[in-house]
Amino acid sequence: MARGITRPAPVHFATGALTRVLGLVTIGVPAVVAGDTDGLVVVMAFAVIWAVAITLSATTRIPVLAALTAEAVAVSAACGFALDRTGLIHAAALAVVPFLGGLRKGVRGLVLVILVQVGTLLSVVAALVGTVDAGLLAQLVAGYVVALGLGLLGCFVRNAQASSEELTPYRDARVLLEQLLELSDVLDAGLDAPSIGARVISAFQDAVPATRVSLWVVVDGEIRPLVTGSLLEAPDHGSRTAADAPLDLTQVLSSGRPVVLGSRFAVRPVGVAGRAVLLEGECSPTLPTTRRSLEQQLQAAADGLRRLTAQLDTALIFGEVNLAATRNERRRLAREMHDGVAQDIASMGYLLDAVAAGDLPDDVRPQVELLRATISRVVSEVRASVTALRMDVDANQSLGEAISGLARRLSDSSGISIRCTVDERTARLRPEVEAELLRIAQEAMTNAVKHSEASEIDVECLVDAPRARIVVRDNGRGLGPRRADSHGLTIMRERATLVGASLTIDSSHLGTVVYVSLGSRRGAIRGAPEGALS
């Protein structure tokens, strides 16, 4: 759509219509009271002009300046006609369009409308009235002073409204955040989406016996797993999930009706105001055998989840807010480190270079060179930390792509060979899960680069939502004695716990292997040690 050819905003349309009506009333009331026939004719002319202007602004996409110019010409011509019939200049009519010009287009609109009106009115007056005496000129000047004043008022209103619109999102956000803080103390289920999702699965399985149930949500237009779980032990189907099974979750999402394929099912609970939620799983053999009766039982069970799904929807939105806040804080820290600490350390290096360039005693020079090398190493580590802080998984980059990019950067900066193998299916994990798994992989690779003295690092990333596996192997010297100030392994375990993943670390003199497994039963993912799947 071309710029300037949009219909006016509702507030602009209402203001314009009200301004024209008030102008018409100001002109018409004296004519009606005085019973002035010629004045009533003039009023009818203005009524037609403004009725057409209001109708066109509501039904067509005329450029704003073009519409204002046409209206200014029509109003000025009507004022010239009125001057010829009544001998009066209708200042109220002359002020309407300048006010609208200032309101819609600011000073530019005001100046354009004033110039068009002056030119048109003088031309009409010269053609109809002839000479312009001092009294008539005084009326014209007074009328346009009023028009200019109202036009400037329109400009002021426009600027005030623009400033208010810029601040409105922040005011609204503040009100909502205050309400969230007040509500957080009284929410009986909290705001943890996986915990509420587990309650949804449990409540559903109370109504429908099922050996396996997974809860999926729609994120960025993609169906992603939230929780996988069951009350009964599910039969082993290898690594098959809803992503590669013939059960079509998108069909349930679009139709809203349960889908049954053999013993497998998918159903969409109702009552969710925002995020779409899907339940997918496998029925118990004790369920009804007919397809119709099974669909009815599934839908009835899903309909009974209204309260829980409302809680889940709120928790999902809160999770998105929390994730956005975390990303913003990481970027802020990255900026502070880059513009603060990194620059200060680099400046120290330059000063040390200047000192080293001078005459130094032979016994001091090796220490200065060691200090310079230490500063260079610290600067490199800070820059790597800044890069890591800015690394994230977004809608256009999968978890595997993010891990591959991180491995490539670490390999380039350290000179250590890092091989990365990625195997991903189409379905993705939730954003917060991908973010935590990326941080675990980042910490594992960074530790291997910094502390293991390894010459090779192998990274595997397998994603088959709702399951995932990340393995980081190095051929270094293994984990040394734990330092009191070292928190890397603890943080990795905390991140794994947050997303319901298991973390296992095997270390020996032949190297270290970090296994992260998400959503897998023992033995469901091949190639991981027994402890990694516990």
Protein backbone atom coordinates (compact mmCIF):
# COMPACT_ATOMS: atom_id res chain seq x y z
CA MET A 1 0.00 0.00 0.00
CA ALA A 2 1.39 3.37 -0.98
CA ARG A 3 2.56 5.71 1.70
CA GLY A 4 -0.05 8.29 2.74
CA ILE A 5 -2.94 6.41 1.06
CA THR A 6 -4.29 4.70 4.15
CA ARG A 7 -7.60 5.48 5.74
CA PRO A 8 -7.33 7.76 8.78
CA ALA A 9 -7.04 6.22 12.20
CA PRO A 10 -10.36 6.05 14.10
CA VAL A 11 -9.31 8.89 16.39
CA HIS A 12 -8.38 11.09 13.41
CA PHE A 13 -11.62 10.29 11.61
CA ALA A 14 -13.72 11.06 14.68
CA THR A 15 -11.83 14.31 15.34
CA GLY A 16 -12.20 15.40 11.71
CA ALA A 17 -15.91 14.66 11.62
CA LEU A 18 -16.52 16.45 14.92
CA THR A 19 -14.50 19.50 13.80
CA ARG A 20 -16.51 19.82 10.57
CA VAL A 21 -19.81 19.44 12.42
CA LEU A 22 -18.84 22.12 14.95
CA GLY A 23 -17.79 24.43 12.11
CA LEU A 24 -21.12 23.88 10.39
CA VAL A 25 -23.04 24.57 13.62
CA THR A 26 -21.04 27.77 14.21
CA ILE A 27 -21.96 29.00 10.73
CA GLY A 28 -25.52 27.69 10.64
CA VAL A 29 -26.94 28.77 14.00
CA PRO A 30 -26.70 32.54 13.34
CA ALA A 31 -28.23 32.10 9.87
CA VAL A 32 -31.12 30.04 11.25
CA VAL A 33 -31.80 32.46 14.12
CA ALA A 34 -31.70 35.48 11.81
CA GLY A 35 -33.77 33.73 9.14
CA ASP A 36 -31.14 34.69 6.56
CA THR A 37 -32.05 32.90 3.32
CA ASP A 38 -28.73 33.65 1.65
CA GLY A 39 -26.92 32.52 4.80
CA LEU A 40 -28.83 29.22 4.77
CA VAL A 41 -27.78 28.64 1.17
CA VAL A 42 -24.18 29.14 2.22
CA VAL A 43 -24.66 26.74 5.14
CA MET A 44 -26.03 24.11 2.74
CA ALA A 45 -22.95 24.55 0.53
CA PHE A 46 -20.60 23.93 3.49
CA ALA A 47 -22.75 20.98 4.61
CA VAL A 48 -22.41 19.33 1.19
CA ILE A 49 -18.63 19.94 1.08
CA TRP A 50 -18.01 18.47 4.52
CA ALA A 51 -20.42 15.58 4.06
CA VAL A 52 -18.51 14.58 0.93
CA ALA A 53 -15.18 14.99 2.78
CA ILE A 54 -16.30 12.79 5.68
CA THR A 55 -17.70 10.13 3.34
CA LEU A 56 -14.58 9.98 1.19
CA SER A 57 -12.25 9.76 4.21
CA ALA A 58 -14.25 6.81 5.52
CA THR A 59 -14.65 4.86 2.27
CA THR A 60 -11.66 5.63 0.03
CA ARG A 61 -7.88 5.70 0.23
CA ILE A 62 -7.14 9.21 -1.01
CA PRO A 63 -3.70 10.63 -0.09
CA VAL A 64 -4.06 12.89 2.94
CA LEU A 65 -2.47 15.99 1.41
CA ALA A 66 -4.50 15.63 -1.78
CA ALA A 67 -7.74 15.33 0.21
CA LEU A 68 -6.87 18.33 2.38
CA THR A 69 -5.94 20.41 -0.68
CA ALA A 70 -9.23 19.61 -2.44
CA GLU A 71 -11.21 20.42 0.69
CA ALA A 72 -9.32 23.70 1.15
CA VAL A 73 -10.13 24.73 -2.43
CA ALA A 74 -13.84 23.87 -2.00
CA VAL A 75 -14.16 25.65 1.36
CA SER A 76 -12.33 28.76 0.09
CA ALA A 77 -14.56 28.89 -2.98
CA ALA A 78 -17.64 28.58 -0.76
CA CYS A 79 -16.32 31.41 1.46
CA GLY A 80 -15.85 33.61 -1.62
CA PHE A 81 -19.39 32.79 -2.73
CA ALA A 82 -20.69 33.63 0.77
CA LEU A 83 -18.82 36.93 0.72
CA ASP A 84 -20.52 37.84 -2.54
CA ARG A 85 -24.01 36.90 -1.18
CA THR A 86 -23.79 38.05 2.46
CA GLY A 87 -20.76 40.33 2.62
CA LEU A 88 -19.30 38.22 5.48
CA ILE A 89 -16.13 36.16 5.82
CA HIS A 90 -16.88 32.91 7.67
CA ALA A 91 -13.79 32.61 9.86
CA ALA A 92 -15.06 29.35 11.41
CA ALA A 93 -15.19 27.72 7.97
CA LEU A 94 -11.72 28.97 7.07
CA ALA A 95 -10.31 27.50 10.32
CA VAL A 96 -11.62 23.95 9.90
CA VAL A 97 -9.25 22.70 7.18
CA PRO A 98 -6.06 24.32 8.65
CA PHE A 99 -6.82 22.62 11.96
CA LEU A 100 -7.20 19.27 10.20
CA GLY A 101 -4.03 19.91 8.17
CA GLY A 102 -2.02 20.51 11.34
CA LEU A 103 -3.61 17.49 13.03
CA ARG A 104 -2.95 15.06 10.18
CA LYS A 105 0.32 16.32 8.67
CA GLY A 106 1.79 18.79 11.15
CA VAL A 107 3.33 22.11 10.09
CA ARG A 108 3.69 20.94 6.50
CA GLY A 109 -0.03 20.25 6.21
CA LEU A 110 -0.90 23.54 7.93
CA VAL A 111 1.27 25.67 5.61
CA LEU A 112 -0.02 23.89 2.49
CA VAL A 113 -3.67 24.36 3.46
CA ILE A 114 -3.23 28.03 4.41
CA LEU A 115 -1.48 28.85 1.11
CA VAL A 116 -4.12 27.00 -0.93
CA GLN A 117 -6.96 28.71 0.93
CA VAL A 118 -5.47 32.21 0.60
CA GLY A 119 -4.80 31.76 -3.11
CA THR A 120 -8.22 30.28 -3.86
CA LEU A 121 -10.16 32.82 -1.77
CA LEU A 122 -8.37 35.83 -3.25
CA SER A 123 -8.99 34.48 -6.76
CA VAL A 124 -12.71 33.94 -6.09
CA VAL A 125 -13.08 37.33 -4.38
CA ALA A 126 -11.35 39.10 -7.26
CA ALA A 127 -13.65 37.34 -9.72
CA LEU A 128 -16.93 37.88 -7.86
CA VAL A 129 -16.50 40.96 -5.70
CA GLY A 130 -13.89 42.93 -7.61
CA THR A 131 -11.93 45.34 -5.45
CA VAL A 132 -10.94 44.48 -1.87
CA ASP A 133 -11.46 47.41 0.49
CA ALA A 134 -9.88 47.95 3.91
CA GLY A 135 -12.85 46.47 5.79
CA LEU A 136 -12.89 43.32 3.71
CA LEU A 137 -9.14 42.97 4.06
CA ALA A 138 -9.47 43.29 7.83
CA GLN A 139 -12.03 40.42 7.84
CA LEU A 140 -9.70 38.28 5.74
CA VAL A 141 -6.74 38.91 8.05
CA ALA A 142 -8.84 38.19 11.15
CA GLY A 143 -10.19 35.01 9.62
CA TYR A 144 -6.77 33.67 8.75
CA VAL A 145 -5.33 34.59 12.13
CA VAL A 146 -8.01 32.37 13.65
CA ALA A 147 -7.25 29.66 11.05
CA LEU A 148 -3.52 29.84 11.77
CA GLY A 149 -4.11 29.65 15.51
CA LEU A 150 -6.32 26.58 15.24
CA GLY A 151 -3.89 25.03 12.78
CA LEU A 152 -1.04 25.44 15.28
CA LEU A 153 -3.31 23.89 17.92
CA GLY A 154 -3.78 20.93 15.58
CA CYS A 155 0.02 20.60 15.27
CA PHE A 156 0.34 20.63 19.06
CA VAL A 157 -2.33 17.96 19.45
CA ARG A 158 -0.58 15.84 16.81
CA ASN A 159 2.79 16.05 18.60
CA ALA A 160 1.24 15.35 22.00
CA GLN A 161 -0.62 12.37 20.59
CA ALA A 162 2.54 10.99 18.94
CA SER A 163 4.46 11.29 22.22
CA SER A 164 1.62 9.61 24.08
CA GLU A 165 1.51 6.75 21.54
CA GLU A 166 5.26 6.15 21.97
CA LEU A 167 4.89 5.90 25.75
CA THR A 168 1.63 3.99 25.78
CA PRO A 169 3.23 0.50 25.36
CA TYR A 170 5.52 1.20 28.33
CA ARG A 171 2.63 2.40 30.48
CA ASP A 172 0.58 -0.65 29.55
CA ALA A 173 3.54 -2.95 30.22
CA ARG A 174 4.06 -1.37 33.63
CA VAL A 175 0.44 -1.89 34.61
CA LEU A 176 0.53 -5.51 33.44
CA LEU A 177 3.81 -6.23 35.26
CA GLU A 178 2.41 -4.77 38.48
CA GLN A 179 -0.65 -6.99 38.10
CA LEU A 180 1.60 -9.99 37.47
CA LEU A 181 3.56 -9.32 40.66
CA GLU A 182 0.31 -9.11 42.62
CA LEU A 183 -1.08 -12.28 41.05
CA SER A 184 2.10 -14.35 41.39
CA ASP A 185 1.54 -14.68 45.14
CA VAL A 186 -1.96 -16.12 44.75
CA LEU A 187 -1.54 -18.43 41.74
CA ASP A 188 -2.08 -21.90 43.15
CA ALA A 189 -0.25 -23.61 40.29
CA GLY A 190 2.61 -21.16 39.90
CA LEU A 191 3.88 -20.13 36.49
CA ASP A 192 6.05 -23.09 35.55
CA ALA A 193 4.73 -24.40 32.22
CA PRO A 194 6.27 -27.92 32.38
CA SER A 195 4.85 -28.49 35.87
CA ILE A 196 1.37 -27.41 34.80
CA GLY A 197 1.76 -29.45 31.62
CA ALA A 198 2.50 -32.53 33.71
CA ARG A 199 -0.71 -31.87 35.65
CA VAL A 200 -2.61 -31.63 32.35
CA ILE A 201 -1.26 -35.03 31.29
CA SER A 202 -2.05 -36.55 34.67
CA ALA A 203 -5.62 -35.21 34.64
CA PHE A 204 -6.12 -36.45 31.09
CA GLN A 205 -4.86 -39.93 31.95
CA ASP A 206 -7.22 -40.04 34.92
CA ALA A 207 -10.07 -39.76 32.40
CA VAL A 208 -8.55 -41.76 29.52
CA PRO A 209 -6.24 -44.74 30.24
CA ALA A 210 -3.20 -44.25 28.03
CA THR A 211 0.21 -45.81 28.06
CA ARG A 212 1.89 -42.69 26.76
CA VAL A 213 0.81 -39.04 26.51
CA SER A 214 2.77 -36.05 25.22
CA LEU A 215 1.76 -32.42 25.45
CA TRP A 216 2.57 -30.16 22.49
CA VAL A 217 2.20 -26.39 22.07
CA VAL A 218 2.33 -24.10 19.06
CA VAL A 219 5.34 -21.75 19.15
CA ASP A 220 6.14 -19.40 16.26
CA GLY A 221 3.74 -21.34 14.05
CA GLU A 222 5.47 -24.67 14.82
CA ILE A 223 4.19 -27.54 16.96
CA ARG A 224 6.75 -28.21 19.68
CA PRO A 225 6.76 -30.62 22.65
CA LEU A 226 6.24 -29.29 26.15
CA VAL A 227 6.00 -32.39 28.35
CA THR A 228 6.27 -36.11 27.72
CA GLY A 229 5.15 -38.56 30.37
CA SER A 230 2.90 -41.44 31.32
CA LEU A 231 1.46 -43.14 34.35
CA LEU A 232 2.05 -46.56 32.79
CA GLU A 233 5.19 -47.90 31.19
CA ALA A 234 4.93 -47.37 27.46
CA PRO A 235 5.88 -50.13 25.05
CA ASP A 236 9.18 -49.59 23.31
CA HIS A 237 8.72 -47.96 19.93
CA GLY A 238 12.33 -47.00 19.43
CA SER A 239 12.73 -43.30 18.79
CA ARG A 240 9.38 -42.81 16.99
CA THR A 241 7.60 -39.55 17.88
CA ALA A 242 4.74 -37.45 16.58
CA ALA A 243 7.19 -35.67 14.33
CA ASP A 244 7.76 -38.69 12.06
CA ALA A 245 4.66 -40.82 12.77
CA PRO A 246 1.74 -40.84 10.34
CA LEU A 247 -0.47 -39.11 12.95
CA ASP A 248 -1.01 -35.58 11.66
CA LEU A 249 -1.02 -33.05 14.51
CA THR A 250 -1.68 -30.16 12.13
CA GLN A 251 -5.01 -31.78 11.22
CA VAL A 252 -6.08 -31.67 14.87
CA LEU A 253 -4.88 -28.08 15.13
CA SER A 254 -6.92 -26.92 12.14
CA SER A 255 -10.09 -28.96 12.68
CA GLY A 256 -10.22 -29.00 16.46
CA ARG A 257 -11.51 -32.58 16.39
CA PRO A 258 -9.72 -35.68 17.74
CA VAL A 259 -7.71 -37.81 15.33
CA VAL A 260 -7.39 -41.55 15.95
CA LEU A 261 -5.06 -43.85 14.04
CA GLY A 262 -5.02 -47.40 15.40
CA SER A 263 -4.17 -47.11 19.08
CA ARG A 264 -2.66 -43.67 18.66
CA PHE A 265 -4.58 -40.44 19.16
CA ALA A 266 -4.29 -36.66 19.16
CA VAL A 267 -6.78 -34.20 20.64
CA ARG A 268 -6.90 -30.47 21.23
CA PRO A 269 -8.20 -29.28 24.62
CA VAL A 270 -10.58 -26.33 24.42
CA GLY A 271 -10.66 -23.17 26.47
CA VAL A 272 -7.13 -21.92 25.77
CA ALA A 273 -7.26 -18.19 25.08
CA GLY A 274 -3.91 -17.90 23.37
CA ARG A 275 -1.49 -20.77 22.74
CA ALA A 276 -2.86 -23.85 21.00
CA VAL A 277 -2.28 -27.03 23.02
CA LEU A 278 -2.34 -30.61 21.71
CA LEU A 279 -2.32 -33.94 23.52
CA GLU A 280 -0.84 -36.88 21.61
CA GLY A 281 -0.32 -40.41 22.82
CA GLU A 282 -1.18 -44.08 22.72
CA CYS A 283 -4.32 -45.61 24.14
CA SER A 284 -4.52 -48.45 26.61
CA PRO A 285 -5.99 -51.71 25.23
CA THR A 286 -8.89 -51.34 27.69
CA LEU A 287 -10.34 -48.33 25.85
CA PRO A 288 -13.42 -48.63 23.58
CA THR A 289 -12.72 -50.41 20.32
CA THR A 290 -14.95 -48.35 18.03
CA ARG A 291 -13.45 -45.25 16.52
CA ARG A 292 -16.45 -43.03 17.25
CA SER A 293 -16.73 -43.99 20.92
CA LEU A 294 -12.98 -43.45 21.36
CA GLU A 295 -13.14 -40.00 19.75
CA GLN A 296 -16.06 -39.06 22.03
CA GLN A 297 -14.19 -40.19 25.14
CA LEU A 298 -11.03 -38.32 24.09
CA GLN A 299 -12.98 -35.12 23.42
CA ALA A 300 -14.83 -35.37 26.72
CA ALA A 301 -11.55 -35.79 28.59
CA ALA A 302 -10.04 -32.83 26.75
CA ASP A 303 -13.09 -30.66 27.49
CA GLY A 304 -12.56 -31.31 31.20
CA LEU A 305 -9.15 -29.63 31.11
CA ARG A 306 -10.38 -26.02 30.74
CA ARG A 307 -9.04 -24.79 34.07
CA LEU A 308 -5.63 -26.42 33.66
CA THR A 309 -5.23 -25.27 30.06
CA ALA A 310 -6.02 -21.69 31.11
CA GLN A 311 -3.28 -21.95 33.74
CA LEU A 312 -0.94 -23.45 31.16
CA ASP A 313 -1.60 -20.67 28.67
CA THR A 314 -0.71 -18.05 31.29
CA ALA A 315 2.46 -19.94 32.22
CA LEU A 316 3.52 -20.19 28.56
CA ILE A 317 3.15 -16.44 28.08
CA PHE A 318 5.11 -15.81 31.28
CA GLY A 319 7.81 -18.17 30.02
CA GLU A 320 8.12 -16.16 26.82
CA VAL A 321 8.41 -12.93 28.81
CA ASN A 322 11.06 -14.53 31.04
CA LEU A 323 12.98 -15.82 28.02
CA ALA A 324 12.91 -12.40 26.36
CA ALA A 325 14.12 -10.77 29.58
CA THR A 326 16.96 -13.30 29.84
CA ARG A 327 18.04 -12.64 26.28
CA ASN A 328 17.97 -8.89 26.82
CA GLU A 329 20.04 -9.24 29.99
CA ARG A 330 22.62 -11.42 28.23
CA ARG A 331 22.93 -8.86 25.45
CA ARG A 332 23.26 -6.07 27.99
CA LEU A 333 26.04 -7.95 29.78
CA ALA A 334 27.74 -8.55 26.44
CA ARG A 335 27.64 -4.83 25.65
CA GLU A 336 28.95 -3.91 29.11
CA MET A 337 31.80 -6.40 28.86
CA HIS A 338 32.72 -5.34 25.34
CA ASP A 339 32.60 -1.60 26.00
CA GLY A 340 33.93 -1.75 29.57
CA VAL A 341 36.14 -4.58 30.78
CA ALA A 342 37.44 -5.62 27.35
CA GLN A 343 38.41 -2.08 26.40
CA ASP A 344 40.12 -1.45 29.77
CA ILE A 345 42.17 -4.63 29.54
CA ALA A 346 43.12 -3.83 25.94
CA SER A 347 44.25 -0.38 27.05
CA MET A 348 46.46 -2.00 29.69
CA GLY A 349 48.00 -4.07 26.93
CA TYR A 350 48.80 -0.95 24.90
CA LEU A 351 50.42 0.69 27.92
CA LEU A 352 52.46 -2.45 28.54
CA ASP A 353 53.57 -2.43 24.89
CA ALA A 354 54.82 1.13 25.36
CA VAL A 355 56.74 0.07 28.46
CA ALA A 356 58.22 -2.95 26.68
CA ALA A 357 59.39 -0.72 23.81
CA GLY A 358 61.68 1.18 26.19
CA ASP A 359 64.91 0.10 27.82
CA LEU A 360 64.20 -2.62 30.37
CA PRO A 361 66.62 -4.65 32.51
CA ASP A 362 67.23 -8.14 31.17
CA ASP A 363 65.78 -9.76 34.29
CA VAL A 364 62.53 -7.75 33.97
CA ARG A 365 61.82 -8.23 30.27
CA PRO A 366 60.68 -11.92 30.52
CA GLN A 367 58.18 -10.94 33.21
CA VAL A 368 56.84 -8.10 31.07
CA GLU A 369 56.47 -10.44 28.10
CA LEU A 370 54.67 -12.99 30.29
CA LEU A 371 52.33 -10.26 31.53
CA ARG A 372 51.66 -9.15 27.95
CA ALA A 373 50.83 -12.72 26.92
CA THR A 374 48.51 -13.05 29.92
CA ILE A 375 46.70 -9.84 28.99
CA SER A 376 46.30 -11.05 25.40
CA ARG A 377 44.85 -14.32 26.65
CA VAL A 378 42.41 -12.55 28.97
CA VAL A 379 41.27 -10.24 26.15
CA SER A 380 40.65 -13.27 23.93
CA GLU A 381 38.65 -14.98 26.68
CA VAL A 382 36.56 -11.86 27.30
CA ARG A 383 35.82 -11.54 23.60
CA ALA A 384 34.87 -15.21 23.47
CA SER A 385 32.57 -14.68 26.45
CA VAL A 386 30.95 -11.71 24.72
CA THR A 387 30.37 -13.84 21.63
CA ALA A 388 28.92 -16.65 23.75
CA LEU A 389 26.59 -14.25 25.56
CA ARG A 390 25.21 -13.05 22.23
CA MET A 391 24.78 -16.59 20.90
CA ASP A 392 21.18 -17.74 20.95
CA VAL A 393 18.68 -19.97 19.20
CA ASP A 394 16.04 -18.06 17.28
CA ALA A 395 13.18 -18.85 14.93
CA ASN A 396 15.50 -18.90 11.91
CA GLN A 397 18.26 -20.99 13.48
CA SER A 398 17.84 -24.46 14.93
CA LEU A 399 19.61 -25.86 17.97
CA GLY A 400 22.00 -27.85 15.82
CA GLU A 401 22.89 -24.81 13.71
CA ALA A 402 23.55 -22.75 16.84
CA ILE A 403 25.81 -25.44 18.32
CA SER A 404 27.66 -25.81 15.00
CA GLY A 405 28.23 -22.06 14.82
CA LEU A 406 29.52 -21.99 18.39
CA ALA A 407 31.85 -24.92 17.70
CA ARG A 408 33.20 -23.20 14.61
CA ARG A 409 33.95 -19.99 16.51
CA LEU A 410 35.65 -21.84 19.37
CA SER A 411 37.74 -23.83 16.91
CA ASP A 412 38.82 -20.69 15.06
CA SER A 413 39.77 -18.85 18.25
CA SER A 414 41.54 -21.75 19.98
CA GLY A 415 43.08 -23.62 17.06
CA ILE A 416 41.67 -26.90 18.41
CA SER A 417 39.88 -29.19 15.96
CA ILE A 418 36.17 -29.37 16.84
CA ARG A 419 34.06 -31.74 14.74
CA CYS A 420 30.31 -31.27 14.99
CA THR A 421 27.72 -33.84 13.85
CA VAL A 422 24.10 -32.71 13.69
CA ASP A 423 21.01 -34.83 13.04
CA GLU A 424 17.73 -32.93 13.44
CA ARG A 425 14.15 -33.68 12.51
CA THR A 426 11.67 -31.07 11.37
CA ALA A 427 9.87 -30.69 14.72
CA ARG A 428 11.70 -28.42 17.16
CA LEU A 429 11.93 -28.19 20.91
CA ARG A 430 10.53 -25.26 22.82
CA PRO A 431 12.67 -22.07 22.74
CA GLU A 432 13.54 -22.17 26.44
CA VAL A 433 14.59 -25.83 26.16
CA GLU A 434 16.77 -25.12 23.12
CA ALA A 435 18.33 -22.17 24.95
CA GLU A 436 19.28 -24.25 28.00
CA LEU A 437 20.67 -27.13 25.89
CA LEU A 438 22.74 -24.64 23.90
CA ARG A 439 24.22 -23.24 27.13
CA ILE A 440 25.08 -26.74 28.36
CA ALA A 441 26.83 -27.54 25.07
CA GLN A 442 28.60 -24.19 25.20
CA GLU A 443 29.88 -24.78 28.73
CA ALA A 444 31.04 -28.31 27.87
CA MET A 445 32.92 -27.16 24.75
CA THR A 446 34.42 -24.14 26.51
CA ASN A 447 35.66 -26.29 29.40
CA ALA A 448 37.23 -28.72 26.96
CA VAL A 449 38.99 -25.90 25.12
CA LYS A 450 40.25 -24.14 28.24
CA HIS A 451 41.12 -26.93 30.66
CA SER A 452 41.39 -30.33 28.99
CA GLU A 453 44.54 -29.76 26.90
CA ALA A 454 42.73 -31.71 24.19
CA SER A 455 43.77 -31.73 20.55
CA GLU A 456 40.39 -32.91 19.25
CA ILE A 457 36.80 -32.39 20.37
CA ASP A 458 33.78 -34.23 18.95
CA VAL A 459 30.28 -32.84 19.34
CA GLU A 460 27.06 -34.70 18.51
CA CYS A 461 23.63 -33.10 18.45
CA LEU A 462 20.59 -35.28 17.80
CA VAL A 463 17.13 -33.73 17.99
CA ASP A 464 14.03 -35.85 17.51
CA ALA A 465 11.42 -33.83 19.41
CA PRO A 466 10.41 -34.39 22.14
CA ARG A 467 13.76 -36.14 22.59
CA ALA A 468 17.26 -34.80 22.19
CA ARG A 469 20.82 -35.84 22.88
CA ILE A 470 24.03 -33.81 23.00
CA VAL A 471 27.42 -35.46 23.47
CA VAL A 472 30.71 -33.57 23.83
CA ARG A 473 33.88 -35.73 23.79
CA ASP A 474 37.48 -34.64 24.07
CA ASN A 475 40.80 -36.53 24.10
CA GLY A 476 42.28 -34.43 26.89
CA ARG A 477 43.62 -35.24 30.33
CA GLY A 478 40.22 -35.55 32.00
CA LEU A 479 38.73 -33.58 34.85
CA GLY A 480 41.18 -32.38 37.45
CA PRO A 481 40.48 -31.74 41.14
CA ARG A 482 37.50 -29.48 41.59
CA ARG A 483 38.33 -25.90 42.52
CA ALA A 484 36.33 -24.06 45.15
CA ASP A 485 35.64 -21.22 42.69
CA SER A 486 34.54 -23.51 39.85
CA HIS A 487 30.79 -23.63 39.26
CA GLY A 488 30.61 -24.79 35.62
CA LEU A 489 29.53 -28.37 36.28
CA THR A 490 26.99 -27.29 38.88
CA ILE A 491 25.46 -24.77 36.48
CA MET A 492 25.28 -27.41 33.73
CA ARG A 493 23.37 -29.76 36.03
CA GLU A 494 21.03 -26.96 37.08
CA ARG A 495 20.30 -26.13 33.45
CA ALA A 496 19.61 -29.79 32.68
CA THR A 497 17.25 -30.03 35.65
CA LEU A 498 15.34 -26.94 34.51
CA VAL A 499 14.32 -28.61 31.24
CA GLY A 500 13.93 -32.13 32.61
CA ALA A 501 17.10 -33.51 31.00
CA SER A 502 19.68 -35.88 32.46
CA LEU A 503 23.37 -35.00 32.55
CA THR A 504 26.18 -37.53 32.89
CA ILE A 505 29.92 -36.80 32.83
CA ASP A 506 32.50 -39.56 32.32
CA SER A 507 36.12 -38.58 32.81
CA SER A 508 39.41 -40.42 32.67
CA HIS A 509 42.99 -39.86 31.58
CA LEU A 510 41.77 -40.56 28.01
CA GLY A 511 39.42 -37.60 28.03
CA THR A 512 36.02 -36.41 29.14
CA VAL A 513 32.57 -37.18 27.75
CA VAL A 514 29.52 -35.06 28.59
CA TYR A 515 26.13 -36.65 27.83
CA VAL A 516 22.90 -34.67 27.90
CA SER A 517 19.71 -36.60 27.26
CA LEU A 518 16.19 -35.17 27.07
CA GLY A 519 12.89 -37.08 27.08
CA SER A 520 14.34 -40.60 26.67
CA ARG A 521 13.66 -43.85 28.42
CA ARG A 522 16.58 -46.07 29.21
CA GLY A 523 17.96 -47.43 25.97
CA ALA A 524 15.71 -45.36 23.74
CA ILE A 525 18.63 -43.41 22.35
CA ARG A 526 21.46 -45.50 21.10
CA GLY A 527 25.09 -44.71 21.73
CA ALA A 528 24.79 -43.19 25.22
CA PRO A 529 25.98 -44.92 28.37
CA GLU A 530 23.48 -46.47 30.73
CA GLY A 531 23.83 -43.64 33.25
CA ALA A 532 23.12 -40.99 30.65
CA LEU A 533 19.55 -42.14 30.25
CA SER A 534 18.60 -42.46 33.88
